[in-house]
Amino acid sequence: MRKLSGLLCSALLVGAICSPSVLATGDQHYFASSVSSIDDIEKEKEKIFEKHHEKYKKELLALQKKFGKEDISKFTDDEKKELRKLKKKHLDNARDDVDSYMNSVGFTKVGDGSEVSIESAPSDLAVNDYLYYNSTTRQYNFDGYWDFSVWDFLVDTIDIASVRMNNDTYPVVKSYAYSYDQSGTQTGYDNNGSPSTGSKVTKRFENKNGVVYNIQDSTQSTSGGPIYKTDHGRLSMYFTKGTGSNKVFLDFEHNYKSYDWQTTASINGITLNGIGLSVTYSKVNNSYLRTSTGETIQ
């Protein structure tokens, strides 16, 4: 990509056009490819996930027919294990294709994408993260993923998720969020504070340490069983190099009820700093926080 950029500059005799300061302006980051901005990059990434979600839906339908159950909440433990394996396969394949796509537009993967999966009752939640760097625009992109493998249908108040940096000198450029139900249908997205209609993910606030999103934890009853609206999803944040080293994480605060008759929880305050994400409640039934292993920048 650098070689192509150099050839274009030589041919046009306007080297200044190809300088990084001109290549990056606001949220517009121009590349030698047809991609013109990080908005376009996110749209292409979502197309990749949509393609793999469609494949997942077809295989999920085959699995439901195999087990003779339309309602996947009624799967046995062994059947749920097979379902988890199927979903993980398609999400991993989607992330592999995202890696290839990001590389094609100048973002090299620099993180290991390791996964944290901690079992807890009544929900199992896995979180993992990926980090990319574009040396032309001097920009990073962090993708953090959450994925529930068991669903608690006694939902409580909103969940809270964040992309968090230890170092507050790395300027945030833009952030995005996406959520999906357990069949892979998108249930909403947020483009830097502009959510889709009825989105289950909405930007709450941004500060020097990152961004915080509301995750509208909810279920819908259908003839085929309950639909868990925020089964899995992705937070994506673009930012530039600051001073010194840094480490970036995905945090996910989940709360739930033990019994349907319990009073709904109420969030009292949310703090995001270099130490962590902190959610305090004036009333809470059950809650836990999951944090990814994080991606280090030297």
Protein backbone atom coordinates (compact mmCIF):
# COMPACT_ATOMS: atom_id res chain seq x y z
CA MET A 1 0.00 0.00 0.00
CA ARG A 2 2.89 2.37 0.84
CA LYS A 3 4.57 1.50 -2.48
CA LEU A 4 1.38 2.27 -4.40
CA SER A 5 0.96 5.52 -2.51
CA GLY A 6 4.53 6.49 -3.36
CA LEU A 7 4.05 5.75 -7.07
CA LEU A 8 0.91 7.86 -7.17
CA CYS A 9 2.70 10.73 -5.53
CA SER A 10 5.62 10.52 -7.95
CA ALA A 11 3.31 10.40 -10.94
CA LEU A 12 1.30 13.40 -9.79
CA LEU A 13 4.33 15.31 -8.40
CA VAL A 14 2.27 16.32 -5.40
CA GLY A 15 3.96 14.57 -2.51
CA ALA A 16 2.14 16.71 0.00
CA ILE A 17 -1.14 15.03 -0.90
CA CYS A 18 0.20 11.71 0.36
CA SER A 19 1.42 12.95 3.74
CA PRO A 20 -0.27 11.40 6.80
CA SER A 21 -1.49 14.81 7.97
CA VAL A 22 -3.53 15.14 4.79
CA LEU A 23 -4.60 11.50 4.77
CA ALA A 24 -6.34 11.80 8.13
CA THR A 25 -8.90 14.55 8.73
CA GLY A 26 -11.67 14.13 11.29
CA ASP A 27 -13.24 10.71 10.73
CA GLN A 28 -12.19 10.61 7.06
CA HIS A 29 -9.15 8.37 6.52
CA TYR A 30 -8.21 7.80 2.92
CA PHE A 31 -6.49 4.70 1.62
CA ALA A 32 -5.18 3.45 -1.72
CA SER A 33 -8.18 1.12 -1.81
CA SER A 34 -11.81 2.10 -2.47
CA VAL A 35 -12.44 2.52 1.26
CA SER A 36 -12.76 6.21 2.09
CA SER A 37 -13.54 6.43 5.80
CA ILE A 38 -13.83 4.47 9.00
CA ASP A 39 -17.61 4.59 8.54
CA ASP A 40 -17.09 2.63 5.32
CA ILE A 41 -14.79 0.19 7.13
CA GLU A 42 -17.43 -0.49 9.76
CA LYS A 43 -20.09 -1.02 7.08
CA GLU A 44 -17.88 -3.59 5.37
CA LYS A 45 -17.17 -5.34 8.67
CA GLU A 46 -20.91 -5.56 9.32
CA LYS A 47 -21.44 -7.06 5.86
CA ILE A 48 -18.96 -9.76 6.80
CA PHE A 49 -20.84 -10.53 10.02
CA GLU A 50 -24.16 -10.50 8.19
CA LYS A 51 -22.85 -13.05 5.70
CA HIS A 52 -21.69 -15.39 8.46
CA HIS A 53 -24.85 -14.86 10.51
CA GLU A 54 -26.90 -15.97 7.50
CA LYS A 55 -24.81 -19.15 7.27
CA TYR A 56 -25.29 -19.66 11.01
CA LYS A 57 -29.08 -19.28 10.72
CA LYS A 58 -29.25 -22.03 8.09
CA GLU A 59 -27.20 -24.43 10.19
CA LEU A 60 -29.18 -23.48 13.31
CA LEU A 61 -32.40 -24.39 11.52
CA ALA A 62 -30.89 -27.75 10.59
CA LEU A 63 -29.90 -28.27 14.23
CA GLN A 64 -33.43 -27.47 15.42
CA LYS A 65 -34.84 -30.00 12.95
CA LYS A 66 -32.27 -32.56 14.06
CA PHE A 67 -33.30 -32.20 17.70
CA GLY A 68 -37.01 -31.75 16.87
CA LYS A 69 -37.18 -28.51 18.88
CA GLU A 70 -37.95 -25.06 17.52
CA ASP A 71 -37.40 -23.48 20.95
CA ILE A 72 -33.63 -23.59 21.56
CA SER A 73 -34.15 -22.69 25.23
CA LYS A 74 -35.53 -26.24 25.58
CA PHE A 75 -32.38 -27.87 24.23
CA THR A 76 -30.76 -30.36 26.59
CA ASP A 77 -27.33 -29.55 28.01
CA ASP A 78 -25.63 -31.67 25.34
CA GLU A 79 -27.73 -30.04 22.62
CA LYS A 80 -26.80 -26.59 23.93
CA LYS A 81 -23.13 -27.55 23.79
CA GLU A 82 -23.56 -28.38 20.12
CA LEU A 83 -25.34 -25.06 19.59
CA ARG A 84 -22.53 -23.14 21.31
CA LYS A 85 -19.97 -24.92 19.17
CA LEU A 86 -21.91 -24.00 16.02
CA LYS A 87 -22.25 -20.32 16.95
CA LYS A 88 -18.59 -20.05 17.98
CA LYS A 89 -17.53 -21.55 14.65
CA HIS A 90 -19.37 -18.90 12.66
CA LEU A 91 -18.28 -16.01 14.90
CA ASP A 92 -14.65 -17.16 14.66
CA ASN A 93 -14.95 -17.44 10.88
CA ALA A 94 -16.41 -13.92 10.71
CA ARG A 95 -13.56 -12.54 12.82
CA ASP A 96 -11.01 -14.28 10.60
CA ASP A 97 -12.57 -12.63 7.54
CA VAL A 98 -12.54 -9.27 9.36
CA ASP A 99 -8.81 -9.77 9.99
CA SER A 100 -8.23 -10.29 6.27
CA TYR A 101 -10.40 -7.32 5.33
CA MET A 102 -8.73 -5.00 7.83
CA ASN A 103 -5.33 -5.98 6.47
CA SER A 104 -6.52 -5.15 2.93
CA VAL A 105 -7.34 -1.56 3.98
CA GLY A 106 -4.09 -0.96 5.85
CA PHE A 107 -4.95 -2.12 9.39
CA THR A 108 -2.57 -4.82 10.60
CA LYS A 109 -3.67 -7.06 13.43
CA VAL A 110 -1.41 -6.43 16.42
CA GLY A 111 -3.39 -8.18 19.18
CA ASP A 112 -3.76 -11.87 20.01
CA GLY A 113 -7.55 -11.96 20.29
CA SER A 114 -7.48 -14.18 23.39
CA GLU A 115 -10.80 -15.08 25.01
CA VAL A 116 -11.99 -14.94 28.60
CA SER A 117 -14.81 -17.39 29.28
CA ILE A 118 -15.92 -17.67 32.90
CA GLU A 119 -18.88 -19.83 33.79
CA SER A 120 -21.39 -18.47 36.26
CA ALA A 121 -25.00 -19.15 37.14
CA PRO A 122 -27.29 -18.47 35.48
CA SER A 123 -25.32 -17.10 32.50
CA ASP A 124 -22.07 -17.98 30.78
CA LEU A 125 -20.45 -14.94 29.19
CA ALA A 126 -17.34 -14.93 27.00
CA VAL A 127 -15.49 -11.70 26.16
CA ASN A 128 -12.58 -11.26 23.79
CA ASP A 129 -10.78 -8.53 21.92
CA TYR A 130 -8.78 -7.71 18.78
CA LEU A 131 -6.51 -4.76 18.00
CA TYR A 132 -5.47 -3.38 14.59
CA TYR A 133 -3.06 -0.61 13.62
CA ASN A 134 -2.80 1.50 10.45
CA SER A 135 0.72 2.93 10.12
CA THR A 136 -0.40 5.36 7.39
CA THR A 137 -3.10 7.08 9.43
CA ARG A 138 -1.40 6.23 12.77
CA GLN A 139 -4.74 4.94 13.97
CA TYR A 140 -5.75 1.98 16.10
CA ASN A 141 -9.00 0.03 15.96
CA PHE A 142 -10.07 -2.06 18.94
CA ASP A 143 -12.88 -4.59 18.54
CA GLY A 144 -14.34 -6.06 21.73
CA TYR A 145 -16.86 -8.93 21.59
CA TRP A 146 -19.29 -10.38 24.11
CA ASP A 147 -21.16 -13.67 23.71
CA PHE A 148 -23.63 -15.34 26.08
CA SER A 149 -23.76 -19.12 25.77
CA VAL A 150 -26.57 -19.62 28.31
CA TRP A 151 -29.43 -17.15 28.66
CA ASP A 152 -31.10 -15.89 31.82
CA PHE A 153 -34.57 -14.76 30.87
CA LEU A 154 -35.20 -13.01 34.19
CA VAL A 155 -33.62 -9.85 32.86
CA ASP A 156 -33.20 -6.78 35.03
CA THR A 157 -32.14 -3.25 34.16
CA ILE A 158 -29.75 -2.35 31.32
CA ASP A 159 -26.31 -3.92 31.11
CA ILE A 160 -23.26 -1.67 30.68
CA ALA A 161 -20.32 -2.29 28.34
CA SER A 162 -17.21 -0.24 27.69
CA VAL A 163 -14.02 -0.01 25.69
CA ARG A 164 -11.48 1.17 28.26
CA MET A 165 -7.90 2.42 28.01
CA ASN A 166 -5.41 2.56 30.88
CA ASN A 167 -3.71 5.60 29.34
CA ASP A 168 -5.92 8.69 28.89
CA THR A 169 -3.56 10.45 26.42
CA TYR A 170 -4.77 8.39 23.42
CA PRO A 171 -7.46 10.49 21.67
CA VAL A 172 -10.70 8.67 20.76
CA VAL A 173 -11.69 9.27 17.12
CA LYS A 174 -14.99 7.40 16.87
CA SER A 175 -16.85 4.41 18.28
CA TYR A 176 -19.55 1.96 17.19
CA ALA A 177 -21.69 -0.76 18.80
CA TYR A 178 -23.74 -3.69 17.45
CA SER A 179 -25.98 -6.30 19.08
CA TYR A 180 -27.57 -9.55 17.86
CA ASP A 181 -30.04 -12.12 19.16
CA GLN A 182 -29.18 -15.81 19.52
CA SER A 183 -30.20 -16.54 15.91
CA GLY A 184 -27.77 -13.91 14.56
CA THR A 185 -30.36 -11.23 13.72
CA GLN A 186 -29.07 -7.72 14.37
CA THR A 187 -31.07 -5.98 17.11
CA GLY A 188 -29.47 -2.57 16.76
CA TYR A 189 -26.37 -0.49 16.18
CA ASP A 190 -24.98 2.84 17.31
CA ASN A 191 -22.75 5.03 15.15
CA ASN A 192 -20.86 7.22 17.61
CA GLY A 193 -23.99 8.26 19.49
CA SER A 194 -26.46 7.97 16.61
CA PRO A 195 -28.40 4.73 17.21
CA SER A 196 -30.66 2.89 14.81
CA THR A 197 -34.41 2.99 15.54
CA GLY A 198 -35.18 0.77 18.52
CA SER A 199 -31.52 -0.13 18.96
CA LYS A 200 -30.62 -2.35 21.90
CA VAL A 201 -27.20 -0.65 22.08
CA THR A 202 -26.81 3.10 22.69
CA LYS A 203 -23.81 5.22 23.53
CA ARG A 204 -23.99 6.49 27.12
CA PHE A 205 -20.87 8.66 27.34
CA GLU A 206 -17.27 9.07 26.24
CA ASN A 207 -14.27 10.34 28.18
CA LYS A 208 -10.47 10.28 27.90
CA ASN A 209 -10.34 6.64 28.97
CA GLY A 210 -12.80 5.35 26.36
CA VAL A 211 -16.51 4.89 25.70
CA VAL A 212 -19.46 3.43 27.60
CA TYR A 213 -22.59 1.87 26.04
CA ASN A 214 -26.00 0.88 27.35
CA ILE A 215 -26.91 -2.72 26.45
CA GLN A 216 -30.70 -3.10 26.59
CA ASP A 217 -30.84 -6.59 28.06
CA SER A 218 -34.30 -7.90 27.07
CA THR A 219 -36.24 -10.92 25.82
CA GLN A 220 -39.19 -11.38 23.48
CA SER A 221 -41.69 -14.22 23.72
CA THR A 222 -42.50 -15.94 20.42
CA SER A 223 -44.17 -19.16 19.28
CA GLY A 224 -40.69 -20.57 18.77
CA GLY A 225 -39.59 -19.67 22.26
CA PRO A 226 -37.99 -16.60 23.87
CA ILE A 227 -35.58 -14.43 21.90
CA TYR A 228 -32.64 -13.02 23.83
CA LYS A 229 -32.06 -9.61 22.22
CA THR A 230 -28.44 -9.03 23.26
CA ASP A 231 -27.07 -12.54 23.01
CA HIS A 232 -23.83 -11.33 21.45
CA GLY A 233 -22.35 -8.16 20.07
CA ARG A 234 -19.38 -5.97 19.31
CA LEU A 235 -17.97 -2.62 20.43
CA SER A 236 -15.52 -0.96 18.06
CA MET A 237 -13.38 2.07 18.90
CA TYR A 238 -10.91 3.98 16.72
CA PHE A 239 -8.22 6.05 18.42
CA THR A 240 -4.79 7.56 17.78
CA LYS A 241 -1.41 7.16 19.45
CA GLY A 242 -0.80 9.04 22.68
CA THR A 243 2.15 9.31 25.05
CA GLY A 244 3.64 6.16 26.48
CA SER A 245 2.29 2.61 26.52
CA ASN A 246 -1.36 1.65 26.82
CA LYS A 247 -3.65 -1.32 27.35
CA VAL A 248 -7.22 -1.54 26.02
CA PHE A 249 -10.02 -3.73 27.38
CA LEU A 250 -13.65 -4.67 26.88
CA ASP A 251 -15.68 -4.51 30.11
CA PHE A 252 -19.19 -5.95 30.41
CA GLU A 253 -21.39 -5.46 33.49
CA HIS A 254 -24.38 -7.86 33.52
CA ASN A 255 -27.25 -7.83 36.00
CA TYR A 256 -30.24 -10.16 36.36
CA LYS A 257 -33.05 -11.27 38.64
CA SER A 258 -33.34 -14.54 40.55
CA TYR A 259 -37.15 -14.35 40.57
CA ASP A 260 -39.63 -12.55 38.33
CA TRP A 261 -41.26 -10.76 41.28
CA GLN A 262 -38.05 -9.01 42.39
CA THR A 263 -37.86 -5.22 42.20
CA THR A 264 -36.01 -3.99 39.12
CA ALA A 265 -32.44 -2.88 39.74
CA SER A 266 -31.50 0.79 39.54
CA ILE A 267 -28.09 2.09 38.46
CA ASN A 268 -26.80 4.86 40.67
CA GLY A 269 -23.58 5.77 38.88
CA ILE A 270 -21.01 4.68 36.28
CA THR A 271 -17.30 5.47 36.38
CA LEU A 272 -14.78 4.74 33.63
CA ASN A 273 -11.10 5.37 34.35
CA GLY A 274 -7.71 3.75 33.83
CA ILE A 275 -8.35 1.30 36.65
CA GLY A 276 -11.64 -0.10 35.39
CA LEU A 277 -15.37 0.21 34.74
CA SER A 278 -17.38 0.67 37.93
CA VAL A 279 -21.18 0.41 38.05
CA THR A 280 -22.90 1.22 41.31
CA TYR A 281 -26.55 0.48 42.10
CA SER A 282 -29.09 2.00 44.46
CA LYS A 283 -30.86 -1.36 44.13
CA VAL A 284 -29.46 -4.58 42.64
CA ASN A 285 -30.44 -8.27 42.66
CA ASN A 286 -27.50 -10.04 40.99
CA SER A 287 -24.64 -8.67 38.91
CA TYR A 288 -21.14 -9.46 37.72
CA LEU A 289 -18.41 -7.79 35.66
CA ARG A 290 -16.42 -9.49 32.91
CA THR A 291 -13.22 -7.95 31.51
CA SER A 292 -11.26 -9.15 28.47
CA THR A 293 -7.56 -9.96 28.74
CA GLY A 294 -6.83 -6.69 26.94
CA GLU A 295 -4.50 -5.58 24.14
CA THR A 296 -1.16 -3.91 24.91
CA ILE A 297 0.33 -0.99 22.97
CA GLN A 298 4.01 -0.21 23.54
